[in-house]
Amino acid sequence: MSTPLEDAKNVAGYSNAFAVLPTEVVHMNSVRKGKPVFWIHAAAGGSSIGQYQPMADVSQRPFFAIKPPLIDINHYWLQGLEARAAYYVALIKSVEPEGPFDLGGYSMGSTMVYEVARQLEGAGNPVRSLILIDPTDMEYVKQWAAMRNLPDVGKKNLFLMSMNFALTSQRFNQNKPDQIATLDPLVHRNLLSDTTSLDDWLEEIVLLGRQRGLRLGKDQFKLRALQDYQLLESLIAHGYSRRFKPGKEMRGYVFINGSGNMHGTSAPYILMDDEMGAALERGYNAEWLDACSSFTQIALSSTTHFMPLQEADTLKPCVDVCRELYAR
C-alpha cells in the first residue's frame, strides 16, 4: 500500500515546468527567476492566500502560495495534518526539487508549513527560512472547530465565518486596500434574524453578502462553507505535536499578535455569541511560543488573531523581514 507522500508525488506529477503548475500552486508575483518562495494557506483554505500578497509584492524571487484541493474523493487520504503536509511537500518539490527552501504561513498555515519544513529537513532538504505568523495551538483549534458542530447555532457559526472570510478574500483579490483593514464591509451577526429556519437564515446571509459584493450564489456559497468545514476537520483529525530541531542555517521567525486576543473586535463577524469563544480568547499560542523559543519572536500591533494580515501598518515588520529574506 502506498504512503501519503507516494500518493502525493503521483498526484503532483513532479513536473518542474514553470508554465504548467499544479492547480494548488498559485504564482503570486511576476518574477520567474531565482529560488522560489512557498507559503501555505490558512484554515480558510484557498481564500486565505490573498492575504499573502504584501509578502509576494516585496519578493524579488518567484512567490508561490499553496491552496488546498477542492472537494474530491481522490483526496480522501488527506486526513490529518501530516498527510496533507506530505502532499504539499510533493507540490513544492514539483516546482523546486532541491532547495534550499523559504517557507511561511499564517495561523493554521503556520502549523502546516512547520510540518512541511520538518519533513523537508528530515529528508535532507535544507530549509533556509521559516516564517510563522501567529500560530495556533492544536488543542485550541480543536475546541474552536467544535463550535461549528453545536446544535442549531453550529451551522450558523460556520456560515457566518465562511461568509466574512469570502468577503475578506474578495477585497484582497480586488486590491481594495482602503477596505482591507476595516470591518464595515463584512456581515455583522446583529444584522441576521433569530429565525429557527436554517434555510431562511442562509437566504438572509447570502443576500447581505451579495449586497457587500459577494460573487457567489446560494448554492456556491454552501459549497464554499462545506469546503471550509471539510478542510478544518481534516487538519485536526489526528492532532499535531511534532517538533524538530532546525538546521543551523535556518532563519526562523514567529510574528505574534501583540494584543493576545483571539477574537476581540472580530468576534461579531465570526461567532454568533461571544460567550462561545470566551474560553479560547487568550493563550492560544503558548505551546508554539515555547516550541519556537529559538526563533526570532516579534510582536505585531494587531488587534486580534484574525487581523494581522489585514492591517498594513501592523504587518510591516513581517513585510520588511520578507523583503530582506527574499532578495535575489
Protein backbone atom coordinates (compact mmCIF):
# COMPACT_ATOMS: atom_id res chain seq x y z
CA MET A 1 0.00 0.00 0.00
CA SER A 2 1.40 3.41 -0.96
CA THR A 3 2.16 6.12 1.59
CA PRO A 4 0.58 9.61 1.56
CA LEU A 5 3.85 11.03 0.26
CA GLU A 6 4.00 8.48 -2.60
CA ASP A 7 0.38 9.25 -3.47
CA ALA A 8 1.17 12.95 -3.34
CA LYS A 9 4.08 12.51 -5.74
CA ASN A 10 1.84 10.70 -8.19
CA VAL A 11 -0.85 13.38 -7.99
CA ALA A 12 1.58 16.28 -8.24
CA GLY A 13 3.36 14.64 -11.15
CA TYR A 14 6.65 16.23 -10.15
CA SER A 15 6.58 18.43 -13.25
CA ASN A 16 9.26 21.08 -12.94
CA ALA A 17 7.78 23.09 -15.81
CA PHE A 18 7.11 26.59 -14.52
CA ALA A 19 4.49 27.16 -17.19
CA VAL A 20 2.32 24.25 -16.02
CA LEU A 21 1.88 24.47 -12.27
CA PRO A 22 -0.24 22.08 -10.20
CA THR A 23 -3.66 23.67 -9.68
CA GLU A 24 -2.97 24.04 -5.96
CA VAL A 25 0.15 26.17 -6.56
CA VAL A 26 -0.55 29.85 -7.26
CA HIS A 27 2.17 32.16 -8.61
CA MET A 28 1.52 35.44 -6.78
CA ASN A 29 4.07 37.74 -8.37
CA SER A 30 5.51 38.21 -11.85
CA VAL A 31 9.07 37.12 -11.01
CA ARG A 32 10.23 33.97 -12.80
CA LYS A 33 13.92 33.78 -11.92
CA GLY A 34 15.55 32.78 -8.65
CA LYS A 35 14.85 30.26 -5.90
CA PRO A 36 11.09 30.26 -5.29
CA VAL A 37 9.36 31.06 -2.00
CA PHE A 38 6.40 28.99 -0.75
CA TRP A 39 3.65 29.98 1.69
CA ILE A 40 0.87 27.64 2.86
CA HIS A 41 -2.81 28.59 3.13
CA ALA A 42 -4.55 29.05 6.49
CA ALA A 43 -7.69 27.27 7.74
CA ALA A 44 -9.85 29.46 5.49
CA GLY A 45 -8.45 27.47 2.57
CA GLY A 46 -7.83 28.90 -0.86
CA SER A 47 -9.47 32.19 0.07
CA SER A 48 -6.73 32.88 2.62
CA ILE A 49 -3.80 33.05 0.23
CA GLY A 50 -4.73 36.53 -1.00
CA GLN A 51 -3.61 37.80 2.39
CA TYR A 52 -0.04 36.87 1.46
CA GLN A 53 0.08 39.43 -1.34
CA PRO A 54 2.08 42.04 0.68
CA MET A 55 4.86 39.48 1.14
CA ALA A 56 4.69 38.44 -2.52
CA ASP A 57 4.93 42.07 -3.62
CA VAL A 58 8.33 42.59 -1.95
CA SER A 59 9.82 39.26 -3.04
CA GLN A 60 12.47 39.52 -5.73
CA ARG A 61 12.10 35.80 -6.31
CA PRO A 62 9.09 33.77 -7.51
CA PHE A 63 6.49 33.70 -4.73
CA PHE A 64 4.05 30.79 -4.64
CA ALA A 65 1.09 30.18 -2.36
CA ILE A 66 -0.34 26.71 -1.92
CA LYS A 67 -4.10 26.34 -1.65
CA PRO A 68 -5.96 23.12 -0.78
CA PRO A 69 -7.51 20.87 -3.41
CA LEU A 70 -11.26 21.24 -3.88
CA ILE A 71 -13.67 18.62 -2.58
CA ASP A 72 -12.63 15.46 -4.40
CA ILE A 73 -12.84 11.81 -3.39
CA ASN A 74 -9.36 11.34 -4.84
CA HIS A 75 -8.03 13.34 -1.88
CA TYR A 76 -9.65 11.19 0.81
CA TRP A 77 -6.19 10.35 2.13
CA LEU A 78 -5.54 13.98 3.11
CA GLN A 79 -6.76 13.24 6.61
CA GLY A 80 -4.50 14.65 9.28
CA LEU A 81 -2.04 17.46 9.12
CA GLU A 82 1.00 15.26 8.44
CA ALA A 83 -0.58 13.60 5.39
CA ARG A 84 -1.59 16.97 3.99
CA ALA A 85 1.90 18.35 4.62
CA ALA A 86 3.37 15.38 2.72
CA TYR A 87 1.17 16.28 -0.24
CA TYR A 88 2.32 19.89 -0.04
CA VAL A 89 5.96 18.79 0.10
CA ALA A 90 5.34 16.98 -3.18
CA LEU A 91 3.75 20.07 -4.69
CA ILE A 92 6.66 22.24 -3.57
CA LYS A 93 9.24 19.82 -4.94
CA SER A 94 7.39 19.65 -8.25
CA VAL A 95 8.35 23.31 -8.67
CA GLU A 96 11.67 23.36 -6.78
CA PRO A 97 13.21 19.87 -6.41
CA GLU A 98 16.34 20.74 -4.46
CA GLY A 99 16.03 23.80 -2.25
CA PRO A 100 17.14 25.33 -0.01
CA PHE A 101 13.57 26.30 0.79
CA ASP A 102 12.00 29.52 2.05
CA LEU A 103 8.63 28.87 3.69
CA GLY A 104 5.87 30.73 5.51
CA GLY A 105 2.29 30.57 6.75
CA TYR A 106 -0.34 32.20 8.96
CA SER A 107 -2.47 30.71 11.76
CA MET A 108 -3.09 27.03 10.91
CA GLY A 109 -0.94 27.66 7.86
CA SER A 110 1.90 28.11 10.34
CA THR A 111 1.33 24.63 11.72
CA MET A 112 1.20 23.13 8.23
CA VAL A 113 4.30 24.93 6.99
CA TYR A 114 6.17 23.92 10.15
CA GLU A 115 5.37 20.27 9.39
CA VAL A 116 6.38 20.82 5.75
CA ALA A 117 9.72 22.16 7.00
CA ARG A 118 10.11 19.20 9.36
CA GLN A 119 9.53 16.71 6.55
CA LEU A 120 11.86 18.52 4.16
CA GLU A 121 14.68 18.72 6.69
CA GLY A 122 14.09 15.13 7.75
CA ALA A 123 14.62 14.07 4.14
CA GLY A 124 17.86 16.03 3.89
CA ASN A 125 16.38 19.05 2.11
CA PRO A 126 17.60 22.23 3.82
CA VAL A 127 15.15 24.95 4.83
CA ARG A 128 16.70 28.41 4.62
CA SER A 129 13.90 30.37 6.31
CA LEU A 130 10.63 29.65 8.09
CA ILE A 131 8.11 32.38 8.95
CA LEU A 132 5.17 31.64 11.25
CA ILE A 133 2.51 34.34 11.71
CA ASP A 134 0.54 33.88 14.94
CA PRO A 135 0.46 30.06 15.03
CA THR A 136 -2.38 28.46 16.99
CA ASP A 137 -2.05 25.52 19.37
CA MET A 138 -3.83 22.40 18.10
CA GLU A 139 -5.99 21.91 21.21
CA TYR A 140 -7.34 25.43 20.83
CA VAL A 141 -8.09 24.81 17.16
CA LYS A 142 -9.97 21.62 18.05
CA GLN A 143 -12.13 23.48 20.57
CA TRP A 144 -12.71 26.29 18.09
CA ALA A 145 -13.74 23.81 15.39
CA ALA A 146 -16.11 22.07 17.80
CA MET A 147 -18.23 25.22 17.97
CA ARG A 148 -19.32 24.53 14.39
CA ASN A 149 -20.88 21.23 15.47
CA LEU A 150 -23.13 22.64 18.20
CA PRO A 151 -26.88 22.07 17.77
CA ASP A 152 -28.72 24.89 15.99
CA VAL A 153 -26.06 27.57 16.24
CA GLY A 154 -23.14 25.48 14.93
CA LYS A 155 -24.04 25.76 11.24
CA LYS A 156 -24.74 29.47 11.67
CA ASN A 157 -21.24 29.89 13.07
CA LEU A 158 -19.84 28.09 10.04
CA PHE A 159 -21.82 30.20 7.56
CA LEU A 160 -21.00 33.49 9.31
CA MET A 161 -17.29 32.70 9.36
CA SER A 162 -17.25 31.44 5.76
CA MET A 163 -19.16 34.50 4.55
CA ASN A 164 -16.79 37.00 6.08
CA PHE A 165 -13.70 35.05 5.04
CA ALA A 166 -15.07 35.06 1.48
CA LEU A 167 -15.73 38.81 1.56
CA THR A 168 -12.28 39.47 3.01
CA SER A 169 -10.68 37.36 0.29
CA GLN A 170 -12.51 39.29 -2.41
CA ARG A 171 -11.24 42.59 -1.02
CA PHE A 172 -7.68 41.34 -1.35
CA ASN A 173 -8.29 39.98 -4.84
CA GLN A 174 -9.86 43.27 -5.93
CA ASN A 175 -6.93 45.21 -4.43
CA LYS A 176 -9.03 47.47 -2.21
CA PRO A 177 -6.54 48.49 0.49
CA ASP A 178 -8.92 51.10 1.89
CA GLN A 179 -11.34 48.32 2.86
CA ILE A 180 -8.96 45.57 3.90
CA ALA A 181 -8.31 46.85 7.44
CA THR A 182 -11.97 47.73 8.15
CA LEU A 183 -14.81 45.52 9.30
CA ASP A 184 -17.59 47.68 7.81
CA PRO A 185 -18.00 45.75 4.51
CA LEU A 186 -18.45 42.47 6.41
CA VAL A 187 -21.64 40.87 7.76
CA HIS A 188 -22.22 41.56 11.47
CA ARG A 189 -24.21 38.90 13.31
CA ASN A 190 -26.70 41.52 14.57
CA LEU A 191 -27.89 42.04 11.00
CA LEU A 192 -29.25 38.50 10.96
CA SER A 193 -32.60 37.42 12.37
CA ASP A 194 -33.10 34.75 15.02
CA THR A 195 -35.23 32.58 12.74
CA THR A 196 -35.13 28.88 13.53
CA SER A 197 -35.24 28.00 9.84
CA LEU A 198 -31.65 27.49 8.74
CA ASP A 199 -32.66 27.76 5.08
CA ASP A 200 -34.30 31.16 5.66
CA TRP A 201 -31.29 32.30 7.68
CA LEU A 202 -28.99 31.18 4.88
CA GLU A 203 -31.04 33.22 2.40
CA GLU A 204 -30.56 36.24 4.66
CA ILE A 205 -26.80 35.96 5.00
CA VAL A 206 -26.30 35.35 1.27
CA LEU A 207 -28.41 38.44 0.48
CA LEU A 208 -26.34 40.51 2.93
CA GLY A 209 -23.19 39.11 1.38
CA ARG A 210 -24.36 39.94 -2.14
CA GLN A 211 -25.09 43.50 -1.03
CA ARG A 212 -21.46 43.69 0.08
CA GLY A 213 -20.06 42.36 -3.17
CA LEU A 214 -20.19 38.57 -2.72
CA ARG A 215 -19.86 36.96 -6.13
CA LEU A 216 -21.26 33.58 -5.08
CA GLY A 217 -24.84 32.38 -5.35
CA LYS A 218 -26.53 30.49 -2.52
CA ASP A 219 -25.51 27.01 -3.69
CA GLN A 220 -21.97 28.15 -4.47
CA PHE A 221 -21.68 29.67 -1.03
CA LYS A 222 -22.95 26.48 0.63
CA LEU A 223 -20.26 24.55 -1.25
CA ARG A 224 -17.66 27.07 -0.13
CA ALA A 225 -18.77 26.64 3.51
CA LEU A 226 -18.63 22.85 3.13
CA GLN A 227 -15.08 23.14 1.80
CA ASP A 228 -14.11 25.29 4.80
CA TYR A 229 -15.66 22.75 7.16
CA GLN A 230 -14.05 19.76 5.46
CA LEU A 231 -10.62 21.39 5.46
CA LEU A 232 -10.51 22.20 9.16
CA GLU A 233 -11.91 18.79 10.11
CA SER A 234 -9.17 17.12 8.07
CA LEU A 235 -6.47 19.27 9.68
CA ILE A 236 -7.46 18.40 13.25
CA ALA A 237 -8.26 14.73 12.52
CA HIS A 238 -5.16 13.29 14.21
CA GLY A 239 -3.94 16.25 16.25
CA TYR A 240 -0.40 17.52 15.97
CA SER A 241 2.53 17.60 18.39
CA ARG A 242 5.60 17.09 16.19
CA ARG A 243 8.71 19.16 16.80
CA PHE A 244 12.09 19.26 15.07
CA LYS A 245 15.46 20.85 15.61
CA PRO A 246 16.06 23.33 12.77
CA GLY A 247 19.32 23.22 10.87
CA LYS A 248 21.97 25.72 11.92
CA GLU A 249 21.50 27.72 8.73
CA MET A 250 17.73 28.10 9.05
CA ARG A 251 16.38 31.52 10.00
CA GLY A 252 13.15 31.16 11.95
CA TYR A 253 10.68 33.94 12.74
CA VAL A 254 7.46 33.96 14.75
CA PHE A 255 5.26 37.04 14.40
CA ILE A 256 2.83 37.26 17.31
CA ASN A 257 -0.50 39.03 17.65
CA GLY A 258 0.56 41.63 20.23
CA SER A 259 -2.93 42.12 21.69
CA GLY A 260 -3.10 38.47 22.74
CA ASN A 261 -6.81 38.41 21.81
CA MET A 262 -8.07 35.57 19.66
CA HIS A 263 -11.42 37.11 18.63
CA GLY A 264 -11.67 40.55 20.25
CA THR A 265 -13.46 43.03 17.98
CA SER A 266 -13.63 40.37 15.25
CA ALA A 267 -15.99 38.18 17.30
CA PRO A 268 -19.32 39.51 15.90
CA TYR A 269 -18.12 38.58 12.41
CA ILE A 270 -17.02 35.04 13.33
CA LEU A 271 -19.16 33.86 16.25
CA MET A 272 -22.91 34.02 16.83
CA ASP A 273 -22.30 34.55 20.56
CA ASP A 274 -19.21 35.99 22.30
CA GLU A 275 -19.56 33.54 25.17
CA MET A 276 -18.90 30.65 22.82
CA GLY A 277 -15.30 31.72 22.33
CA ALA A 278 -14.61 33.18 25.77
CA ALA A 279 -12.55 30.20 26.92
CA LEU A 280 -10.36 30.46 23.82
CA GLU A 281 -9.71 34.18 23.93
CA ARG A 282 -6.23 34.16 25.47
CA GLY A 283 -3.13 31.97 25.50
CA TYR A 284 -3.97 30.25 22.23
CA ASN A 285 -0.35 30.04 21.03
CA ALA A 286 1.56 29.36 24.27
CA GLU A 287 2.80 25.93 23.12
CA TRP A 288 4.10 27.33 19.85
CA LEU A 289 5.95 30.17 21.52
CA ASP A 290 7.68 27.63 23.74
CA ALA A 291 8.42 25.25 20.86
CA CYS A 292 9.89 28.08 18.78
CA SER A 293 11.90 29.70 21.55
CA SER A 294 14.99 29.62 19.32
CA PHE A 295 13.19 31.62 16.61
CA THR A 296 13.24 35.40 16.44
CA GLN A 297 9.91 36.40 18.01
CA ILE A 298 8.36 39.73 17.02
CA ALA A 299 5.11 41.16 18.43
CA LEU A 300 2.77 42.82 15.92
CA SER A 301 0.44 45.64 16.92
CA SER A 302 -2.59 43.70 15.68
CA THR A 303 -5.97 43.97 17.39
CA THR A 304 -6.93 40.27 17.15
CA HIS A 305 -5.62 36.97 15.80
CA PHE A 306 -7.70 37.47 12.66
CA MET A 307 -6.37 40.92 11.76
CA PRO A 308 -2.54 40.88 11.35
CA LEU A 309 -2.61 40.32 7.60
CA GLN A 310 -5.40 42.83 7.08
CA GLU A 311 -3.70 45.78 8.78
CA ALA A 312 -0.92 47.16 6.56
CA ASP A 313 0.92 49.04 9.31
CA THR A 314 0.66 46.04 11.62
CA LEU A 315 2.15 43.70 9.04
CA LYS A 316 5.08 45.97 8.16
CA PRO A 317 7.68 44.19 10.39
CA CYS A 318 6.91 40.91 8.63
CA VAL A 319 6.98 42.51 5.18
CA ASP A 320 10.35 44.09 6.00
CA VAL A 321 11.79 40.71 7.00
CA CYS A 322 10.45 39.16 3.79
CA ARG A 323 11.97 41.96 1.74
CA GLU A 324 15.38 41.02 3.17
CA LEU A 325 14.95 37.24 3.05
CA TYR A 326 13.51 37.11 -0.46
CA ALA A 327 16.04 39.38 -2.15
CA ARG A 328 17.71 37.95 -5.25
